[in-house]
Amino acid sequence: MSQPKWLVREADVPGYHPANHTGTLNRRLISPQTVGSRHVEVLLGTIEKGSGALPHSHPGIEQVCYLLEGTARAEVDGEAADMQAGDCCYFPPDVPHVFTVTSDTPARLLVIYTPPYEEHPDRVRR
């Protein structure tokens, strides 16, 4: 039986190192390229201790991060909070944010963008 085109396996998706991030490997699970989505994008990120997203914002794009493993510190528009596995945070469009892993082990997280970010340079402000 063949795999349906709407099912994506982590092992089948190549990893990449996103711009403006340190120690980060992302896999774009749900995207226009993988399943033909038009309004949402889902990434699986693995981030090393002390690494993560440097200050930036996404014009017109909402972002959600759900922490699967590890701990992290999220900052939105200058307000910071510590996160643990099971916590979820929201980065509003156009608002500067930072995400840094604080656990000794790498953090794993789901990142959801709507509309898709797709690493387009015109969809980020640094």
PDB file of N, CA and C in Angstrom:
ATOM      1  N   MET A   1       0.845  -1.180   0.000  1.00  0.00           N
ATOM      2  CA  MET A   1       0.000   0.000   0.000  1.00  0.00           C
ATOM      3  C   MET A   1       0.890   1.242   0.000  1.00  0.00           C
ATOM      4  N   SER A   2       0.600   2.174  -0.864  1.00  0.00           N
ATOM      5  CA  SER A   2       1.404   3.395  -0.939  1.00  0.00           C
ATOM      6  C   SER A   2       0.951   4.398   0.123  1.00  0.00           C
ATOM      7  N   GLN A   3       1.871   5.268   0.459  1.00  0.00           N
ATOM      8  CA  GLN A   3       1.589   6.296   1.462  1.00  0.00           C
ATOM      9  C   GLN A   3       0.728   7.394   0.841  1.00  0.00           C
ATOM     10  N   PRO A   4      -0.362   7.802   1.499  1.00  0.00           N
ATOM     11  CA  PRO A   4      -1.175   8.883   0.947  1.00  0.00           C
ATOM     12  C   PRO A   4      -0.387  10.190   0.907  1.00  0.00           C
ATOM     13  N   LYS A   5      -0.676  11.046  -0.055  1.00  0.00           N
ATOM     14  CA  LYS A   5       0.098  12.287  -0.201  1.00  0.00           C
ATOM     15  C   LYS A   5      -0.179  13.302   0.897  1.00  0.00           C
ATOM     16  N   TRP A   6      -1.196  13.092   1.724  1.00  0.00           N
ATOM     17  CA  TRP A   6      -1.474  13.997   2.844  1.00  0.00           C
ATOM     18  C   TRP A   6      -0.760  13.584   4.124  1.00  0.00           C
ATOM     19  N   LEU A   7      -0.064  12.435   4.101  1.00  0.00           N
ATOM     20  CA  LEU A   7       0.682  11.946   5.259  1.00  0.00           C
ATOM     21  C   LEU A   7       2.166  12.257   5.073  1.00  0.00           C
ATOM     22  N   VAL A   8       2.762  12.890   6.078  1.00  0.00           N
ATOM     23  CA  VAL A   8       4.175  13.265   6.007  1.00  0.00           C
ATOM     24  C   VAL A   8       4.913  12.621   7.172  1.00  0.00           C
ATOM     25  N   ARG A   9       6.001  11.931   6.869  1.00  0.00           N
ATOM     26  CA  ARG A   9       6.838  11.306   7.890  1.00  0.00           C
ATOM     27  C   ARG A   9       8.092  12.160   8.085  1.00  0.00           C
ATOM     28  N   GLU A  10       8.421  12.413   9.347  1.00  0.00           N
ATOM     29  CA  GLU A  10       9.588  13.246   9.672  1.00  0.00           C
ATOM     30  C   GLU A  10      10.834  12.784   8.919  1.00  0.00           C
ATOM     31  N   ALA A  11      11.073  11.477   8.881  1.00  0.00           N
ATOM     32  CA  ALA A  11      12.287  10.934   8.257  1.00  0.00           C
ATOM     33  C   ALA A  11      12.348  11.196   6.752  1.00  0.00           C
ATOM     34  N   ASP A  12      11.215  11.482   6.140  1.00  0.00           N
ATOM     35  CA  ASP A  12      11.180  11.708   4.690  1.00  0.00           C
ATOM     36  C   ASP A  12      11.409  13.169   4.305  1.00  0.00           C
ATOM     37  N   VAL A  13      11.481  14.055   5.297  1.00  0.00           N
ATOM     38  CA  VAL A  13      11.596  15.493   5.017  1.00  0.00           C
ATOM     39  C   VAL A  13      13.029  15.946   5.301  1.00  0.00           C
ATOM     40  N   PRO A  14      13.695  16.561   4.312  1.00  0.00           N
ATOM     41  CA  PRO A  14      15.067  17.017   4.558  1.00  0.00           C
ATOM     42  C   PRO A  14      15.104  18.166   5.564  1.00  0.00           C
ATOM     43  N   GLY A  15      16.158  18.198   6.362  1.00  0.00           N
ATOM     44  CA  GLY A  15      16.330  19.279   7.327  1.00  0.00           C
ATOM     45  C   GLY A  15      17.061  20.454   6.689  1.00  0.00           C
ATOM     46  N   TYR A  16      16.887  21.623   7.285  1.00  0.00           N
ATOM     47  CA  TYR A  16      17.600  22.816   6.828  1.00  0.00           C
ATOM     48  C   TYR A  16      17.873  23.705   8.038  1.00  0.00           C
ATOM     49  N   HIS A  17      18.848  24.577   7.902  1.00  0.00           N
ATOM     50  CA  HIS A  17      19.216  25.510   8.957  1.00  0.00           C
ATOM     51  C   HIS A  17      18.629  26.877   8.597  1.00  0.00           C
ATOM     52  N   PRO A  18      17.611  27.339   9.343  1.00  0.00           N
ATOM     53  CA  PRO A  18      16.946  28.588   8.970  1.00  0.00           C
ATOM     54  C   PRO A  18      17.827  29.818   9.195  1.00  0.00           C
ATOM     55  N   ALA A  19      17.599  30.825   8.376  1.00  0.00           N
ATOM     56  CA  ALA A  19      18.296  32.103   8.520  1.00  0.00           C
ATOM     57  C   ALA A  19      17.917  32.736   9.857  1.00  0.00           C
ATOM     58  N   ASN A  20      18.817  33.531  10.412  1.00  0.00           N
ATOM     59  CA  ASN A  20      18.565  34.285  11.641  1.00  0.00           C
ATOM     60  C   ASN A  20      18.355  33.391  12.871  1.00  0.00           C
ATOM     61  N   HIS A  21      18.820  32.144  12.800  1.00  0.00           N
ATOM     62  CA  HIS A  21      18.739  31.193  13.910  1.00  0.00           C
ATOM     63  C   HIS A  21      20.125  30.594  14.137  1.00  0.00           C
ATOM     64  N   THR A  22      20.389  30.163  15.357  1.00  0.00           N
ATOM     65  CA  THR A  22      21.625  29.453  15.661  1.00  0.00           C
ATOM     66  C   THR A  22      21.273  28.064  16.174  1.00  0.00           C
ATOM     67  N   GLY A  23      22.115  27.074  15.899  1.00  0.00           N
ATOM     68  CA  GLY A  23      21.939  25.724  16.432  1.00  0.00           C
ATOM     69  C   GLY A  23      20.591  25.107  16.151  1.00  0.00           C
ATOM     70  N   THR A  24      19.996  25.433  15.010  1.00  0.00           N
ATOM     71  CA  THR A  24      18.628  25.012  14.708  1.00  0.00           C
ATOM     72  C   THR A  24      18.570  24.171  13.438  1.00  0.00           C
ATOM     73  N   LEU A  25      17.846  23.059  13.503  1.00  0.00           N
ATOM     74  CA  LEU A  25      17.553  22.238  12.338  1.00  0.00           C
ATOM     75  C   LEU A  25      16.043  22.112  12.237  1.00  0.00           C
ATOM     76  N   ASN A  26      15.486  22.576  11.136  1.00  0.00           N
ATOM     77  CA  ASN A  26      14.041  22.507  10.911  1.00  0.00           C
ATOM     78  C   ASN A  26      13.724  21.501   9.817  1.00  0.00           C
ATOM     79  N   ARG A  27      12.526  20.936   9.918  1.00  0.00           N
ATOM     80  CA  ARG A  27      11.964  20.085   8.861  1.00  0.00           C
ATOM     81  C   ARG A  27      10.574  20.628   8.563  1.00  0.00           C
ATOM     82  N   ARG A  28      10.352  21.000   7.329  1.00  0.00           N
ATOM     83  CA  ARG A  28       9.064  21.563   6.915  1.00  0.00           C
ATOM     84  C   ARG A  28       8.121  20.397   6.618  1.00  0.00           C
ATOM     85  N   LEU A  29       7.248  20.068   7.589  1.00  0.00           N
ATOM     86  CA  LEU A  29       6.361  18.911   7.465  1.00  0.00           C
ATOM     87  C   LEU A  29       5.160  19.206   6.575  1.00  0.00           C
ATOM     88  N   ILE A  30       4.440  20.257   6.898  1.00  0.00           N
ATOM     89  CA  ILE A  30       3.245  20.636   6.141  1.00  0.00           C
ATOM     90  C   ILE A  30       3.550  21.952   5.433  1.00  0.00           C
ATOM     91  N   SER A  31       3.441  21.946   4.104  1.00  0.00           N
ATOM     92  CA  SER A  31       3.769  23.142   3.329  1.00  0.00           C
ATOM     93  C   SER A  31       3.172  23.015   1.931  1.00  0.00           C
ATOM     94  N   PRO A  32       3.220  24.088   1.171  1.00  0.00           N
ATOM     95  CA  PRO A  32       2.779  23.980  -0.225  1.00  0.00           C
ATOM     96  C   PRO A  32       3.550  22.892  -0.984  1.00  0.00           C
ATOM     97  N   GLN A  33       4.849  22.720  -0.662  1.00  0.00           N
ATOM     98  CA  GLN A  33       5.668  21.738  -1.371  1.00  0.00           C
ATOM     99  C   GLN A  33       5.376  20.299  -0.947  1.00  0.00           C
ATOM    100  N   THR A  34       5.074  20.073   0.329  1.00  0.00           N
ATOM    101  CA  THR A  34       4.896  18.692   0.792  1.00  0.00           C
ATOM    102  C   THR A  34       3.484  18.162   0.587  1.00  0.00           C
ATOM    103  N   VAL A  35       2.474  18.976   0.886  1.00  0.00           N
ATOM    104  CA  VAL A  35       1.084  18.488   0.783  1.00  0.00           C
ATOM    105  C   VAL A  35       0.181  19.424  -0.015  1.00  0.00           C
ATOM    106  N   GLY A  36       0.736  20.541  -0.483  1.00  0.00           N
ATOM    107  CA  GLY A  36      -0.077  21.490  -1.257  1.00  0.00           C
ATOM    108  C   GLY A  36      -0.882  22.452  -0.405  1.00  0.00           C
ATOM    109  N   SER A  37      -0.526  22.584   0.886  1.00  0.00           N
ATOM    110  CA  SER A  37      -1.267  23.522   1.741  1.00  0.00           C
ATOM    111  C   SER A  37      -1.107  24.945   1.212  1.00  0.00           C
ATOM    112  N   ARG A  38      -2.125  25.756   1.412  1.00  0.00           N
ATOM    113  CA  ARG A  38      -2.073  27.138   0.926  1.00  0.00           C
ATOM    114  C   ARG A  38      -2.071  28.163   2.049  1.00  0.00           C
ATOM    115  N   HIS A  39      -2.612  27.814   3.207  1.00  0.00           N
ATOM    116  CA  HIS A  39      -2.798  28.803   4.264  1.00  0.00           C
ATOM    117  C   HIS A  39      -2.109  28.475   5.577  1.00  0.00           C
ATOM    118  N   VAL A  40      -1.409  27.339   5.638  1.00  0.00           N
ATOM    119  CA  VAL A  40      -0.737  26.952   6.880  1.00  0.00           C
ATOM    120  C   VAL A  40       0.559  26.219   6.546  1.00  0.00           C
ATOM    121  N   GLU A  41       1.520  26.357   7.463  1.00  0.00           N
ATOM    122  CA  GLU A  41       2.796  25.664   7.337  1.00  0.00           C
ATOM    123  C   GLU A  41       3.165  25.147   8.727  1.00  0.00           C
ATOM    124  N   VAL A  42       3.626  23.883   8.823  1.00  0.00           N
ATOM    125  CA  VAL A  42       4.008  23.283  10.103  1.00  0.00           C
ATOM    126  C   VAL A  42       5.434  22.753   9.983  1.00  0.00           C
ATOM    127  N   LEU A  43       6.282  23.178  10.910  1.00  0.00           N
ATOM    128  CA  LEU A  43       7.675  22.752  10.943  1.00  0.00           C
ATOM    129  C   LEU A  43       7.952  22.009  12.235  1.00  0.00           C
ATOM    130  N   LEU A  44       8.913  21.098  12.182  1.00  0.00           N
ATOM    131  CA  LEU A  44       9.436  20.458  13.371  1.00  0.00           C
ATOM    132  C   LEU A  44      10.851  20.988  13.540  1.00  0.00           C
ATOM    133  N   GLY A  45      11.110  21.628  14.675  1.00  0.00           N
ATOM    134  CA  GLY A  45      12.425  22.203  14.926  1.00  0.00           C
ATOM    135  C   GLY A  45      13.153  21.480  16.036  1.00  0.00           C
ATOM    136  N   THR A  46      14.461  21.333  15.880  1.00  0.00           N
ATOM    137  CA  THR A  46      15.340  20.824  16.926  1.00  0.00           C
ATOM    138  C   THR A  46      16.391  21.897  17.157  1.00  0.00           C
ATOM    139  N   ILE A  47      16.497  22.362  18.409  1.00  0.00           N
ATOM    140  CA  ILE A  47      17.370  23.495  18.726  1.00  0.00           C
ATOM    141  C   ILE A  47      18.277  23.122  19.895  1.00  0.00           C
ATOM    142  N   GLU A  48      19.567  23.394  19.747  1.00  0.00           N
ATOM    143  CA  GLU A  48      20.564  23.106  20.769  1.00  0.00           C
ATOM    144  C   GLU A  48      20.486  24.115  21.923  1.00  0.00           C
ATOM    145  N   LYS A  49      21.038  23.726  23.085  1.00  0.00           N
ATOM    146  CA  LYS A  49      21.067  24.600  24.267  1.00  0.00           C
ATOM    147  C   LYS A  49      21.712  25.949  23.945  1.00  0.00           C
ATOM    148  N   GLY A  50      21.084  27.020  24.414  1.00  0.00           N
ATOM    149  CA  GLY A  50      21.602  28.374  24.228  1.00  0.00           C
ATOM    150  C   GLY A  50      21.394  28.925  22.833  1.00  0.00           C
ATOM    151  N   SER A  51      20.776  28.166  21.969  1.00  0.00           N
ATOM    152  CA  SER A  51      20.555  28.572  20.586  1.00  0.00           C
ATOM    153  C   SER A  51      19.081  28.852  20.346  1.00  0.00           C
ATOM    154  N   GLY A  52      18.785  29.331  19.137  1.00  0.00           N
ATOM    155  CA  GLY A  52      17.406  29.576  18.762  1.00  0.00           C
ATOM    156  C   GLY A  52      17.275  30.727  17.790  1.00  0.00           C
ATOM    157  N   ALA A  53      16.140  31.410  17.878  1.00  0.00           N
ATOM    158  CA  ALA A  53      15.819  32.504  16.962  1.00  0.00           C
ATOM    159  C   ALA A  53      16.321  33.828  17.517  1.00  0.00           C
ATOM    160  N   LEU A  54      17.051  34.549  16.702  1.00  0.00           N
ATOM    161  CA  LEU A  54      17.474  35.901  17.053  1.00  0.00           C
ATOM    162  C   LEU A  54      16.286  36.846  16.869  1.00  0.00           C
ATOM    163  N   PRO A  55      16.336  38.077  17.394  1.00  0.00           N
ATOM    164  CA  PRO A  55      15.190  38.987  17.285  1.00  0.00           C
ATOM    165  C   PRO A  55      14.744  39.188  15.828  1.00  0.00           C
ATOM    166  N   HIS A  56      13.431  39.036  15.620  1.00  0.00           N
ATOM    167  CA  HIS A  56      12.850  39.240  14.290  1.00  0.00           C
ATOM    168  C   HIS A  56      11.328  39.297  14.406  1.00  0.00           C
ATOM    169  N   SER A  57      10.682  39.625  13.308  1.00  0.00           N
ATOM    170  CA  SER A  57       9.221  39.592  13.226  1.00  0.00           C
ATOM    171  C   SER A  57       8.832  39.154  11.818  1.00  0.00           C
ATOM    172  N   HIS A  58       7.560  38.767  11.675  1.00  0.00           N
ATOM    173  CA  HIS A  58       7.049  38.329  10.382  1.00  0.00           C
ATOM    174  C   HIS A  58       5.868  39.222   9.993  1.00  0.00           C
ATOM    175  N   PRO A  59       6.032  40.043   8.960  1.00  0.00           N
ATOM    176  CA  PRO A  59       4.924  40.914   8.553  1.00  0.00           C
ATOM    177  C   PRO A  59       3.729  40.105   8.044  1.00  0.00           C
ATOM    178  N   GLY A  60       2.593  40.294   8.702  1.00  0.00           N
ATOM    179  CA  GLY A  60       1.355  39.653   8.268  1.00  0.00           C
ATOM    180  C   GLY A  60       1.266  38.163   8.516  1.00  0.00           C
ATOM    181  N   ILE A  61       2.209  37.586   9.284  1.00  0.00           N
ATOM    182  CA  ILE A  61       2.217  36.136   9.529  1.00  0.00           C
ATOM    183  C   ILE A  61       2.089  35.862  11.025  1.00  0.00           C
ATOM    184  N   GLU A  62       1.125  35.022  11.390  1.00  0.00           N
ATOM    185  CA  GLU A  62       0.986  34.561  12.767  1.00  0.00           C
ATOM    186  C   GLU A  62       1.874  33.326  12.954  1.00  0.00           C
ATOM    187  N   GLN A  63       2.467  33.198  14.144  1.00  0.00           N
ATOM    188  CA  GLN A  63       3.338  32.059  14.439  1.00  0.00           C
ATOM    189  C   GLN A  63       2.981  31.481  15.798  1.00  0.00           C
ATOM    190  N   VAL A  64       2.929  30.159  15.865  1.00  0.00           N
ATOM    191  CA  VAL A  64       2.675  29.430  17.103  1.00  0.00           C
ATOM    192  C   VAL A  64       3.820  28.449  17.307  1.00  0.00           C
ATOM    193  N   CYS A  65       4.326  28.347  18.533  1.00  0.00           N
ATOM    194  CA  CYS A  65       5.359  27.358  18.873  1.00  0.00           C
ATOM    195  C   CYS A  65       4.834  26.484  20.004  1.00  0.00           C
ATOM    196  N   TYR A  66       4.832  25.178  19.786  1.00  0.00           N
ATOM    197  CA  TYR A  66       4.432  24.206  20.807  1.00  0.00           C
ATOM    198  C   TYR A  66       5.670  23.408  21.178  1.00  0.00           C
ATOM    199  N   LEU A  67       6.096  23.505  22.431  1.00  0.00           N
ATOM    200  CA  LEU A  67       7.315  22.859  22.902  1.00  0.00           C
ATOM    201  C   LEU A  67       7.033  21.395  23.233  1.00  0.00           C
ATOM    202  N   LEU A  68       7.651  20.497  22.484  1.00  0.00           N
ATOM    203  CA  LEU A  68       7.474  19.056  22.671  1.00  0.00           C
ATOM    204  C   LEU A  68       8.424  18.497  23.724  1.00  0.00           C
ATOM    205  N   GLU A  69       9.688  18.942  23.687  1.00  0.00           N
ATOM    206  CA  GLU A  69      10.722  18.460  24.605  1.00  0.00           C
ATOM    207  C   GLU A  69      11.642  19.605  24.962  1.00  0.00           C
ATOM    208  N   GLY A  70      12.165  19.592  26.185  1.00  0.00           N
ATOM    209  CA  GLY A  70      13.123  20.595  26.618  1.00  0.00           C
ATOM    210  C   GLY A  70      12.461  21.801  27.270  1.00  0.00           C
ATOM    211  N   THR A  71      13.286  22.834  27.497  1.00  0.00           N
ATOM    212  CA  THR A  71      12.799  24.101  28.046  1.00  0.00           C
ATOM    213  C   THR A  71      13.348  25.233  27.190  1.00  0.00           C
ATOM    214  N   ALA A  72      12.669  26.364  27.262  1.00  0.00           N
ATOM    215  CA  ALA A  72      13.067  27.506  26.442  1.00  0.00           C
ATOM    216  C   ALA A  72      12.564  28.792  27.073  1.00  0.00           C
ATOM    217  N   ARG A  73      13.093  29.895  26.580  1.00  0.00           N
ATOM    218  CA  ARG A  73      12.622  31.219  26.981  1.00  0.00           C
ATOM    219  C   ARG A  73      12.135  31.900  25.715  1.00  0.00           C
ATOM    220  N   ALA A  74      10.888  32.325  25.752  1.00  0.00           N
ATOM    221  CA  ALA A  74      10.292  33.071  24.636  1.00  0.00           C
ATOM    222  C   ALA A  74      10.153  34.522  25.048  1.00  0.00           C
ATOM    223  N   GLU A  75      10.350  35.410  24.106  1.00  0.00           N
ATOM    224  CA  GLU A  75      10.185  36.836  24.361  1.00  0.00           C
ATOM    225  C   GLU A  75       9.377  37.439  23.224  1.00  0.00           C
ATOM    226  N   VAL A  76       8.334  38.154  23.595  1.00  0.00           N
ATOM    227  CA  VAL A  76       7.466  38.810  22.617  1.00  0.00           C
ATOM    228  C   VAL A  76       7.394  40.292  22.956  1.00  0.00           C
ATOM    229  N   ASP A  77       7.889  41.109  22.059  1.00  0.00           N
ATOM    230  CA  ASP A  77       7.840  42.563  22.226  1.00  0.00           C
ATOM    231  C   ASP A  77       8.402  43.004  23.579  1.00  0.00           C
ATOM    232  N   GLY A  78       9.512  42.361  24.003  1.00  0.00           N
ATOM    233  CA  GLY A  78      10.181  42.745  25.242  1.00  0.00           C
ATOM    234  C   GLY A  78       9.692  42.048  26.499  1.00  0.00           C
ATOM    235  N   GLU A  79       8.615  41.260  26.416  1.00  0.00           N
ATOM    236  CA  GLU A  79       8.097  40.514  27.572  1.00  0.00           C
ATOM    237  C   GLU A  79       8.519  39.050  27.458  1.00  0.00           C
ATOM    238  N   ALA A  80       9.209  38.514  28.480  1.00  0.00           N
ATOM    239  CA  ALA A  80       9.760  37.159  28.416  1.00  0.00           C
ATOM    240  C   ALA A  80       9.021  36.198  29.337  1.00  0.00           C
ATOM    241  N   ALA A  81       9.040  34.906  28.964  1.00  0.00           N
ATOM    242  CA  ALA A  81       8.462  33.844  29.792  1.00  0.00           C
ATOM    243  C   ALA A  81       9.241  32.558  29.541  1.00  0.00           C
ATOM    244  N   ASP A  82       9.378  31.759  30.605  1.00  0.00           N
ATOM    245  CA  ASP A  82      10.036  30.461  30.486  1.00  0.00           C
ATOM    246  C   ASP A  82       9.000  29.416  30.103  1.00  0.00           C
ATOM    247  N   MET A  83       9.403  28.506  29.218  1.00  0.00           N
ATOM    248  CA  MET A  83       8.505  27.467  28.712  1.00  0.00           C
ATOM    249  C   MET A  83       9.064  26.091  29.053  1.00  0.00           C
ATOM    250  N   GLN A  84       8.160  25.144  29.256  1.00  0.00           N
ATOM    251  CA  GLN A  84       8.526  23.745  29.427  1.00  0.00           C
ATOM    252  C   GLN A  84       7.720  22.907  28.446  1.00  0.00           C
ATOM    253  N   ALA A  85       8.090  21.641  28.301  1.00  0.00           N
ATOM    254  CA  ALA A  85       7.377  20.758  27.379  1.00  0.00           C
ATOM    255  C   ALA A  85       5.881  20.801  27.675  1.00  0.00           C
ATOM    256  N   GLY A  86       5.099  20.945  26.631  1.00  0.00           N
ATOM    257  CA  GLY A  86       3.647  21.050  26.762  1.00  0.00           C
ATOM    258  C   GLY A  86       3.146  22.470  26.708  1.00  0.00           C
ATOM    259  N   ASP A  87       4.051  23.460  26.795  1.00  0.00           N
ATOM    260  CA  ASP A  87       3.645  24.865  26.701  1.00  0.00           C
ATOM    261  C   ASP A  87       3.593  25.301  25.239  1.00  0.00           C
ATOM    262  N   CYS A  88       2.750  26.272  24.999  1.00  0.00           N
ATOM    263  CA  CYS A  88       2.534  26.787  23.653  1.00  0.00           C
ATOM    264  C   CYS A  88       2.577  28.310  23.710  1.00  0.00           C
ATOM    265  N   CYS A  89       3.226  28.944  22.728  1.00  0.00           N
ATOM    266  CA  CYS A  89       3.259  30.408  22.701  1.00  0.00           C
ATOM    267  C   CYS A  89       2.841  30.918  21.328  1.00  0.00           C
ATOM    268  N   TYR A  90       2.431  32.169  21.291  1.00  0.00           N
ATOM    269  CA  TYR A  90       1.913  32.820  20.083  1.00  0.00           C
ATOM    270  C   TYR A  90       2.717  34.078  19.811  1.00  0.00           C
ATOM    271  N   PHE A  91       3.209  34.209  18.586  1.00  0.00           N
ATOM    272  CA  PHE A  91       3.906  35.405  18.145  1.00  0.00           C
ATOM    273  C   PHE A  91       3.010  36.124  17.133  1.00  0.00           C
ATOM    274  N   PRO A  92       2.444  37.279  17.521  1.00  0.00           N
ATOM    275  CA  PRO A  92       1.555  38.002  16.607  1.00  0.00           C
ATOM    276  C   PRO A  92       2.301  38.527  15.381  1.00  0.00           C
ATOM    277  N   PRO A  93       1.574  38.781  14.295  1.00  0.00           N
ATOM    278  CA  PRO A  93       2.200  39.358  13.107  1.00  0.00           C
ATOM    279  C   PRO A  93       2.860  40.692  13.440  1.00  0.00           C
ATOM    280  N   ASP A  94       3.998  40.947  12.809  1.00  0.00           N
ATOM    281  CA  ASP A  94       4.690  42.239  12.898  1.00  0.00           C
ATOM    282  C   ASP A  94       5.302  42.545  14.263  1.00  0.00           C
ATOM    283  N   VAL A  95       5.229  41.632  15.236  1.00  0.00           N
ATOM    284  CA  VAL A  95       5.724  41.899  16.589  1.00  0.00           C
ATOM    285  C   VAL A  95       7.078  41.188  16.778  1.00  0.00           C
ATOM    286  N   PRO A  96       8.117  41.919  17.210  1.00  0.00           N
ATOM    287  CA  PRO A  96       9.426  41.302  17.412  1.00  0.00           C
ATOM    288  C   PRO A  96       9.376  40.204  18.477  1.00  0.00           C
ATOM    289  N   HIS A  97      10.074  39.097  18.193  1.00  0.00           N
ATOM    290  CA  HIS A  97      10.131  37.986  19.132  1.00  0.00           C
ATOM    291  C   HIS A  97      11.491  37.304  19.071  1.00  0.00           C
ATOM    292  N   VAL A  98      11.780  36.552  20.160  1.00  0.00           N
ATOM    293  CA  VAL A  98      13.030  35.812  20.325  1.00  0.00           C
ATOM    294  C   VAL A  98      12.664  34.472  20.955  1.00  0.00           C
ATOM    295  N   PHE A  99      13.422  33.414  20.620  1.00  0.00           N
ATOM    296  CA  PHE A  99      13.185  32.095  21.203  1.00  0.00           C
ATOM    297  C   PHE A  99      14.538  31.464  21.469  1.00  0.00           C
ATOM    298  N   THR A 100      14.822  31.102  22.744  1.00  0.00           N
ATOM    299  CA  THR A 100      16.123  30.565  23.123  1.00  0.00           C
ATOM    300  C   THR A 100      15.940  29.312  23.971  1.00  0.00           C
ATOM    301  N   VAL A 101      16.631  28.250  23.623  1.00  0.00           N
ATOM    302  CA  VAL A 101      16.559  26.997  24.374  1.00  0.00           C
ATOM    303  C   VAL A 101      17.395  27.120  25.650  1.00  0.00           C
ATOM    304  N   THR A 102      16.815  26.695  26.764  1.00  0.00           N
ATOM    305  CA  THR A 102      17.484  26.771  28.066  1.00  0.00           C
ATOM    306  C   THR A 102      17.822  25.404  28.644  1.00  0.00           C
ATOM    307  N   SER A 103      17.276  24.325  28.090  1.00  0.00           N
ATOM    308  CA  SER A 103      17.547  22.973  28.621  1.00  0.00           C
ATOM    309  C   SER A 103      18.920  22.495  28.170  1.00  0.00           C
ATOM    310  N   ASP A 104      19.490  21.564  28.953  1.00  0.00           N
ATOM    311  CA  ASP A 104      20.786  20.981  28.598  1.00  0.00           C
ATOM    312  C   ASP A 104      20.682  20.098  27.358  1.00  0.00           C
ATOM    313  N   THR A 105      19.528  19.503  27.167  1.00  0.00           N
ATOM    314  CA  THR A 105      19.295  18.673  25.984  1.00  0.00           C
ATOM    315  C   THR A 105      18.609  19.519  24.916  1.00  0.00           C
ATOM    316  N   PRO A 106      18.732  19.131  23.653  1.00  0.00           N
ATOM    317  CA  PRO A 106      18.064  19.900  22.599  1.00  0.00           C
ATOM    318  C   PRO A 106      16.551  19.939  22.819  1.00  0.00           C
ATOM    319  N   ALA A 107      15.962  21.044  22.432  1.00  0.00           N
ATOM    320  CA  ALA A 107      14.506  21.177  22.471  1.00  0.00           C
ATOM    321  C   ALA A 107      13.936  20.758  21.120  1.00  0.00           C
ATOM    322  N   ARG A 108      12.737  20.191  21.167  1.00  0.00           N
ATOM    323  CA  ARG A 108      11.993  19.883  19.932  1.00  0.00           C
ATOM    324  C   ARG A 108      10.685  20.630  20.023  1.00  0.00           C
ATOM    325  N   LEU A 109      10.299  21.251  18.927  1.00  0.00           N
ATOM    326  CA  LEU A 109       9.070  22.023  18.928  1.00  0.00           C
ATOM    327  C   LEU A 109       8.393  21.990  17.580  1.00  0.00           C
ATOM    328  N   LEU A 110       7.085  22.128  17.619  1.00  0.00           N
ATOM    329  CA  LEU A 110       6.306  22.331  16.408  1.00  0.00           C
ATOM    330  C   LEU A 110       6.141  23.829  16.221  1.00  0.00           C
ATOM    331  N   VAL A 111       6.350  24.285  15.007  1.00  0.00           N
ATOM    332  CA  VAL A 111       6.184  25.696  14.675  1.00  0.00           C
ATOM    333  C   VAL A 111       5.133  25.775  13.573  1.00  0.00           C
ATOM    334  N   ILE A 112       4.126  26.605  13.798  1.00  0.00           N
ATOM    335  CA  ILE A 112       3.019  26.740  12.841  1.00  0.00           C
ATOM    336  C   ILE A 112       2.982  28.189  12.363  1.00  0.00           C
ATOM    337  N   TYR A 113       2.962  28.372  11.058  1.00  0.00           N
ATOM    338  CA  TYR A 113       2.840  29.702  10.450  1.00  0.00           C
ATOM    339  C   TYR A 113       1.563  29.757   9.626  1.00  0.00           C
ATOM    340  N   THR A 114       0.871  30.886   9.733  1.00  0.00           N
ATOM    341  CA  THR A 114      -0.257  31.114   8.847  1.00  0.00           C
ATOM    342  C   THR A 114      -0.311  32.603   8.495  1.00  0.00           C
ATOM    343  N   PRO A 115      -0.244  32.948   7.228  1.00  0.00           N
ATOM    344  CA  PRO A 115       0.024  32.069   6.089  1.00  0.00           C
ATOM    345  C   PRO A 115       1.458  31.543   6.124  1.00  0.00           C
ATOM    346  N   PRO A 116       1.801  30.604   5.222  1.00  0.00           N
ATOM    347  CA  PRO A 116       3.140  30.029   5.224  1.00  0.00           C
ATOM    348  C   PRO A 116       4.245  31.081   5.110  1.00  0.00           C
ATOM    349  N   TYR A 117       5.320  30.856   5.862  1.00  0.00           N
ATOM    350  CA  TYR A 117       6.504  31.722   5.834  1.00  0.00           C
ATOM    351  C   TYR A 117       7.461  31.285   4.728  1.00  0.00           C
ATOM    352  N   GLU A 118       7.751  29.994   4.660  1.00  0.00           N
ATOM    353  CA  GLU A 118       8.581  29.379   3.624  1.00  0.00           C
ATOM    354  C   GLU A 118       9.977  29.986   3.482  1.00  0.00           C
ATOM    355  N   GLU A 119      10.484  30.641   4.540  1.00  0.00           N
ATOM    356  CA  GLU A 119      11.818  31.236   4.509  1.00  0.00           C
ATOM    357  C   GLU A 119      11.973  32.313   3.432  1.00  0.00           C
ATOM    358  N   HIS A 120      10.865  32.924   3.008  1.00  0.00           N
ATOM    359  CA  HIS A 120      10.944  34.010   2.030  1.00  0.00           C
ATOM    360  C   HIS A 120      11.514  35.249   2.709  1.00  0.00           C
ATOM    361  N   PRO A 121      12.577  35.846   2.157  1.00  0.00           N
ATOM    362  CA  PRO A 121      13.198  37.024   2.778  1.00  0.00           C
ATOM    363  C   PRO A 121      12.248  38.204   2.972  1.00  0.00           C
ATOM    364  N   ASP A 122      11.234  38.327   2.124  1.00  0.00           N
ATOM    365  CA  ASP A 122      10.289  39.442   2.278  1.00  0.00           C
ATOM    366  C   ASP A 122       9.236  39.171   3.351  1.00  0.00           C
ATOM    367  N   ARG A 123       9.292  37.993   3.991  1.00  0.00           N
ATOM    368  CA  ARG A 123       8.324  37.651   5.043  1.00  0.00           C
ATOM    369  C   ARG A 123       8.952  37.670   6.429  1.00  0.00           C
ATOM    370  N   VAL A 124      10.081  38.382   6.564  1.00  0.00           N
ATOM    371  CA  VAL A 124      10.747  38.499   7.849  1.00  0.00           C
ATOM    372  C   VAL A 124      11.405  39.865   7.951  1.00  0.00           C
ATOM    373  N   ARG A 125      11.395  40.432   9.163  1.00  0.00           N
ATOM    374  CA  ARG A 125      12.120  41.676   9.469  1.00  0.00           C
ATOM    375  C   ARG A 125      13.100  41.381  10.592  1.00  0.00           C
ATOM    376  N   ARG A 126      14.359  41.708  10.356  1.00  0.00           N
ATOM    377  CA  ARG A 126      15.383  41.460  11.387  1.00  0.00           C
ATOM    378  C   ARG A 126      15.821  42.768  11.980  1.00  0.00           C
TER     379      ARG A 126
END
